[in-house]
N, C-alpha and C. Protein backbone atom coordinates (compact mmCIF):
# COMPACT_ATOMS: atom_id res chain seq x y z
N UNK A 1 -109.15 191.66 54.27
CA UNK A 1 -109.12 191.73 52.84
C UNK A 1 -110.26 190.92 52.29
N UNK A 2 -110.87 191.42 51.26
CA UNK A 2 -112.00 190.73 50.66
C UNK A 2 -111.71 190.52 49.18
N UNK A 3 -111.83 189.28 48.74
CA UNK A 3 -111.66 188.96 47.33
C UNK A 3 -112.98 188.40 46.83
N UNK A 4 -113.40 188.83 45.66
CA UNK A 4 -114.64 188.34 45.08
C UNK A 4 -114.38 187.79 43.69
N UNK A 5 -115.23 186.86 43.29
CA UNK A 5 -115.10 186.33 41.93
C UNK A 5 -115.51 187.36 40.91
N UNK A 6 -115.12 187.13 39.66
CA UNK A 6 -115.45 188.10 38.63
C UNK A 6 -116.95 188.29 38.50
N UNK A 7 -117.37 189.52 38.26
CA UNK A 7 -118.80 189.80 38.14
C UNK A 7 -119.28 189.58 36.72
N UNK A 8 -118.50 189.98 35.75
CA UNK A 8 -118.93 189.83 34.37
C UNK A 8 -118.15 188.68 33.73
N UNK A 9 -118.84 187.84 33.02
CA UNK A 9 -118.18 186.76 32.31
C UNK A 9 -117.84 185.58 33.20
N UNK A 10 -118.22 185.61 34.46
CA UNK A 10 -117.94 184.50 35.37
C UNK A 10 -118.96 183.40 35.18
N UNK A 11 -118.66 182.26 35.78
CA UNK A 11 -119.59 181.14 35.70
C UNK A 11 -120.83 181.44 36.53
N UNK A 12 -122.01 180.97 36.10
CA UNK A 12 -123.21 181.20 36.90
C UNK A 12 -123.11 180.45 38.22
N UNK A 13 -123.87 180.88 39.23
CA UNK A 13 -123.81 180.20 40.53
C UNK A 13 -124.07 178.71 40.38
N UNK A 14 -123.25 177.91 41.04
CA UNK A 14 -123.40 176.46 41.01
C UNK A 14 -122.70 175.80 39.84
N UNK A 15 -122.28 176.56 38.84
CA UNK A 15 -121.59 175.98 37.69
C UNK A 15 -120.10 175.88 37.98
N UNK A 16 -119.47 174.91 37.37
CA UNK A 16 -118.02 174.75 37.55
C UNK A 16 -117.30 175.89 36.83
N UNK A 17 -116.39 176.52 37.52
CA UNK A 17 -115.60 177.60 36.92
C UNK A 17 -114.51 177.00 36.05
N UNK A 18 -114.14 177.69 34.98
CA UNK A 18 -113.05 177.17 34.15
C UNK A 18 -111.75 177.17 34.94
N UNK A 19 -110.81 176.28 34.60
CA UNK A 19 -109.55 176.27 35.33
C UNK A 19 -108.79 177.57 35.12
N UNK A 20 -108.02 178.01 36.12
CA UNK A 20 -107.28 179.26 35.96
C UNK A 20 -106.24 179.14 34.85
N UNK A 21 -106.01 180.27 34.19
CA UNK A 21 -105.03 180.32 33.11
C UNK A 21 -103.61 180.18 33.67
N UNK A 22 -102.82 179.31 33.07
CA UNK A 22 -101.43 179.14 33.47
C UNK A 22 -100.58 180.18 32.75
N UNK A 23 -99.76 180.88 33.51
CA UNK A 23 -98.91 181.94 32.97
C UNK A 23 -97.47 181.43 32.94
N UNK A 24 -96.75 181.64 31.83
CA UNK A 24 -95.38 181.14 31.74
C UNK A 24 -94.47 181.68 32.85
N UNK A 25 -94.52 183.00 33.11
CA UNK A 25 -93.66 183.60 34.14
C UNK A 25 -94.42 184.70 34.86
N UNK A 26 -94.38 184.67 36.17
CA UNK A 26 -94.87 185.78 37.00
C UNK A 26 -93.69 186.19 37.85
N UNK A 27 -93.33 187.46 37.74
CA UNK A 27 -92.16 187.97 38.45
C UNK A 27 -92.53 189.22 39.22
N UNK A 28 -92.20 189.24 40.50
CA UNK A 28 -92.40 190.40 41.34
C UNK A 28 -91.03 190.80 41.88
N UNK A 29 -90.64 192.02 41.67
CA UNK A 29 -89.32 192.49 42.10
C UNK A 29 -89.48 193.67 43.05
N UNK A 30 -89.42 193.40 44.33
CA UNK A 30 -89.51 194.44 45.35
C UNK A 30 -90.81 195.23 45.24
N UNK A 31 -91.89 194.55 44.88
CA UNK A 31 -93.20 195.19 44.73
C UNK A 31 -93.85 195.40 46.09
N UNK A 32 -94.58 196.49 46.24
CA UNK A 32 -95.35 196.68 47.46
C UNK A 32 -96.36 195.54 47.56
N UNK A 33 -96.55 195.01 48.76
CA UNK A 33 -97.47 193.90 48.97
C UNK A 33 -98.86 194.24 48.45
N UNK A 34 -99.35 195.42 48.75
CA UNK A 34 -100.69 195.81 48.31
C UNK A 34 -100.80 195.83 46.79
N UNK A 35 -99.77 196.32 46.12
CA UNK A 35 -99.78 196.36 44.65
C UNK A 35 -99.67 194.96 44.07
N UNK A 36 -98.84 194.11 44.67
CA UNK A 36 -98.71 192.73 44.20
C UNK A 36 -100.06 192.02 44.30
N UNK A 37 -100.75 192.19 45.42
CA UNK A 37 -102.06 191.56 45.60
C UNK A 37 -103.04 192.08 44.56
N UNK A 38 -103.07 193.39 44.36
CA UNK A 38 -104.00 193.96 43.37
C UNK A 38 -103.71 193.45 41.97
N UNK A 39 -102.45 193.43 41.59
CA UNK A 39 -102.09 192.99 40.22
C UNK A 39 -102.40 191.51 40.01
N UNK A 40 -102.08 190.68 41.00
CA UNK A 40 -102.35 189.25 40.88
C UNK A 40 -103.85 188.99 40.85
N UNK A 41 -104.61 189.69 41.69
CA UNK A 41 -106.06 189.54 41.70
C UNK A 41 -106.65 189.97 40.36
N UNK A 42 -106.14 191.06 39.81
CA UNK A 42 -106.62 191.54 38.52
C UNK A 42 -106.33 190.50 37.44
N UNK A 43 -105.14 189.94 37.46
CA UNK A 43 -104.76 188.94 36.47
C UNK A 43 -105.62 187.67 36.62
N UNK A 44 -106.02 187.36 37.87
CA UNK A 44 -106.86 186.20 38.13
C UNK A 44 -108.35 186.53 37.95
N UNK A 45 -108.64 187.77 37.52
CA UNK A 45 -110.01 188.24 37.29
C UNK A 45 -110.84 188.21 38.57
N UNK A 46 -110.23 188.69 39.66
CA UNK A 46 -110.91 188.79 40.94
C UNK A 46 -110.96 190.25 41.37
N UNK A 47 -112.03 190.62 42.04
CA UNK A 47 -112.12 191.95 42.64
C UNK A 47 -111.49 191.86 44.02
N UNK A 48 -110.78 192.88 44.41
CA UNK A 48 -110.13 192.85 45.72
C UNK A 48 -110.36 194.16 46.45
N UNK A 49 -110.65 194.06 47.72
CA UNK A 49 -110.72 195.21 48.62
C UNK A 49 -109.75 194.92 49.75
N UNK A 50 -108.72 195.73 49.87
CA UNK A 50 -107.71 195.49 50.88
C UNK A 50 -108.03 196.20 52.18
N UNK A 51 -107.78 195.52 53.27
CA UNK A 51 -107.87 196.13 54.59
C UNK A 51 -106.78 197.19 54.67
N UNK A 52 -107.07 198.31 55.31
CA UNK A 52 -106.10 199.41 55.43
C UNK A 52 -104.81 198.96 56.10
N UNK A 53 -104.88 197.96 56.97
CA UNK A 53 -103.68 197.47 57.66
C UNK A 53 -102.70 196.83 56.68
N UNK A 54 -103.22 196.21 55.61
CA UNK A 54 -102.35 195.60 54.61
C UNK A 54 -101.60 196.69 53.86
N UNK A 55 -102.30 197.78 53.57
CA UNK A 55 -101.69 198.88 52.83
C UNK A 55 -100.66 199.60 53.69
N UNK A 56 -100.95 199.79 54.98
CA UNK A 56 -100.08 200.56 55.88
C UNK A 56 -98.82 199.81 56.28
N UNK A 57 -98.83 198.51 56.29
CA UNK A 57 -97.66 197.74 56.75
C UNK A 57 -97.88 197.24 58.17
N UNK A 58 -97.06 196.28 58.56
CA UNK A 58 -97.18 195.69 59.90
C UNK A 58 -96.82 196.71 60.97
N UNK A 59 -97.58 196.73 62.07
CA UNK A 59 -97.25 197.68 63.14
C UNK A 59 -95.95 197.31 63.84
N UNK A 60 -95.24 198.33 64.26
CA UNK A 60 -94.01 198.12 65.01
C UNK A 60 -94.31 197.93 66.48
N UNK A 61 -93.28 197.88 67.31
CA UNK A 61 -93.43 197.69 68.74
C UNK A 61 -94.24 198.82 69.37
N UNK A 62 -94.17 200.01 68.77
CA UNK A 62 -94.90 201.16 69.30
C UNK A 62 -96.36 201.20 68.83
N UNK A 63 -96.76 200.21 67.99
CA UNK A 63 -98.13 200.16 67.49
C UNK A 63 -98.38 200.96 66.23
N UNK A 64 -97.40 201.76 65.84
CA UNK A 64 -97.54 202.57 64.62
C UNK A 64 -97.20 201.70 63.40
N UNK A 65 -97.82 202.01 62.26
CA UNK A 65 -97.51 201.24 61.05
C UNK A 65 -96.03 201.31 60.72
N UNK A 66 -95.49 200.17 60.35
CA UNK A 66 -94.08 200.11 59.97
C UNK A 66 -93.92 200.38 58.49
N UNK A 67 -92.74 200.07 57.99
CA UNK A 67 -92.47 200.25 56.57
C UNK A 67 -93.37 199.32 55.76
N UNK A 68 -93.79 199.77 54.59
CA UNK A 68 -94.62 198.90 53.75
C UNK A 68 -93.89 197.59 53.43
N UNK A 69 -94.67 196.51 53.37
CA UNK A 69 -94.10 195.20 53.07
C UNK A 69 -93.87 195.10 51.57
N UNK A 70 -92.75 194.51 51.20
CA UNK A 70 -92.40 194.33 49.79
C UNK A 70 -92.32 192.85 49.46
N UNK A 71 -92.57 192.52 48.21
CA UNK A 71 -92.60 191.13 47.76
C UNK A 71 -91.65 190.96 46.58
N UNK A 72 -90.85 189.92 46.65
CA UNK A 72 -89.96 189.57 45.54
C UNK A 72 -90.09 188.07 45.29
N UNK A 73 -90.25 187.70 44.05
CA UNK A 73 -90.34 186.27 43.72
C UNK A 73 -90.50 186.08 42.23
N UNK A 74 -90.25 184.85 41.81
CA UNK A 74 -90.40 184.49 40.40
C UNK A 74 -91.01 183.10 40.35
N UNK A 75 -92.10 182.98 39.62
CA UNK A 75 -92.80 181.72 39.49
C UNK A 75 -92.96 181.39 38.02
N UNK A 76 -92.88 180.12 37.68
CA UNK A 76 -93.04 179.71 36.28
C UNK A 76 -94.16 178.69 36.15
N UNK A 77 -94.88 178.80 35.05
CA UNK A 77 -95.96 177.87 34.71
C UNK A 77 -96.96 177.68 35.84
N UNK A 78 -97.47 178.79 36.35
CA UNK A 78 -98.46 178.78 37.43
C UNK A 78 -99.58 179.76 37.07
N UNK A 79 -100.66 179.67 37.81
CA UNK A 79 -101.74 180.64 37.62
C UNK A 79 -101.51 181.83 38.55
N UNK A 80 -102.08 182.96 38.18
CA UNK A 80 -102.00 184.15 39.04
C UNK A 80 -102.67 183.86 40.38
N UNK A 81 -103.74 183.07 40.37
CA UNK A 81 -104.42 182.72 41.61
C UNK A 81 -103.50 181.94 42.54
N UNK A 82 -102.74 181.02 41.99
CA UNK A 82 -101.80 180.23 42.79
C UNK A 82 -100.73 181.13 43.43
N UNK A 83 -100.20 182.05 42.66
CA UNK A 83 -99.19 182.98 43.20
C UNK A 83 -99.82 183.90 44.23
N UNK A 84 -101.04 184.36 43.97
CA UNK A 84 -101.75 185.20 44.92
C UNK A 84 -101.90 184.48 46.26
N UNK A 85 -102.33 183.22 46.23
CA UNK A 85 -102.50 182.46 47.47
C UNK A 85 -101.16 182.27 48.18
N UNK A 86 -100.09 182.06 47.43
CA UNK A 86 -98.75 181.93 48.01
C UNK A 86 -98.33 183.22 48.71
N UNK A 87 -98.55 184.35 48.04
CA UNK A 87 -98.20 185.66 48.61
C UNK A 87 -99.00 185.92 49.88
N UNK A 88 -100.29 185.60 49.85
CA UNK A 88 -101.13 185.79 51.04
C UNK A 88 -100.63 184.93 52.20
N UNK A 89 -100.40 183.66 51.94
CA UNK A 89 -99.96 182.74 53.01
C UNK A 89 -98.59 183.13 53.56
N UNK A 90 -97.69 183.51 52.68
CA UNK A 90 -96.34 183.90 53.11
C UNK A 90 -96.38 185.11 54.04
N UNK A 91 -97.37 185.96 53.86
CA UNK A 91 -97.48 187.18 54.66
C UNK A 91 -98.55 187.09 55.75
N UNK A 92 -98.94 185.86 56.08
CA UNK A 92 -99.94 185.62 57.14
C UNK A 92 -101.24 186.38 56.92
N UNK A 93 -101.68 186.42 55.67
CA UNK A 93 -102.94 187.05 55.31
C UNK A 93 -103.92 185.96 54.93
N UNK A 94 -105.20 186.29 54.93
CA UNK A 94 -106.19 185.28 54.57
C UNK A 94 -107.13 185.83 53.51
N UNK A 95 -107.73 184.92 52.83
CA UNK A 95 -108.69 185.20 51.78
C UNK A 95 -110.07 185.16 52.42
N UNK A 96 -110.82 186.21 52.30
CA UNK A 96 -112.19 186.24 52.83
C UNK A 96 -113.13 186.61 51.70
N UNK A 97 -114.19 185.87 51.55
CA UNK A 97 -115.15 186.13 50.49
C UNK A 97 -116.22 187.07 51.02
N UNK A 98 -116.54 188.07 50.24
CA UNK A 98 -117.57 189.03 50.60
C UNK A 98 -118.92 188.32 50.63
N UNK A 99 -119.62 188.46 51.74
CA UNK A 99 -120.92 187.80 51.89
C UNK A 99 -122.04 188.55 51.16
N UNK A 100 -121.77 189.79 50.74
CA UNK A 100 -122.80 190.58 50.06
C UNK A 100 -123.01 190.04 48.64
N UNK A 101 -124.25 189.91 48.21
CA UNK A 101 -124.48 189.46 46.84
C UNK A 101 -124.06 190.52 45.83
N UNK A 102 -123.58 190.09 44.68
CA UNK A 102 -123.17 191.02 43.64
C UNK A 102 -124.37 191.71 43.00
N UNK A 103 -125.51 191.04 42.99
CA UNK A 103 -126.72 191.61 42.38
C UNK A 103 -127.72 191.94 43.49
N UNK A 104 -128.54 192.94 43.20
CA UNK A 104 -129.58 193.31 44.19
C UNK A 104 -130.93 193.06 43.63
């Protein structure tokens, strides 16, 4: 999975980014993991590209993709980025930054 910082309106390279916006309530009720990640990344103003394995679900004993992973939780007074990191860690996923520059 690749997450990138916002392209438009973001802080210039080397500048301190503003603190993430605190949201009163973030609630996920049986959401697909891939959709939860996309929505949280969008709310945190991050671009996300998911690995196909995240979308397909964890493989079963036979190596075939299993049922899609679902996420349920409720968080109060947190940033979307904080919840995103919690969801990633809980599901043994990692945050990888795209090494490609946004500008050419």
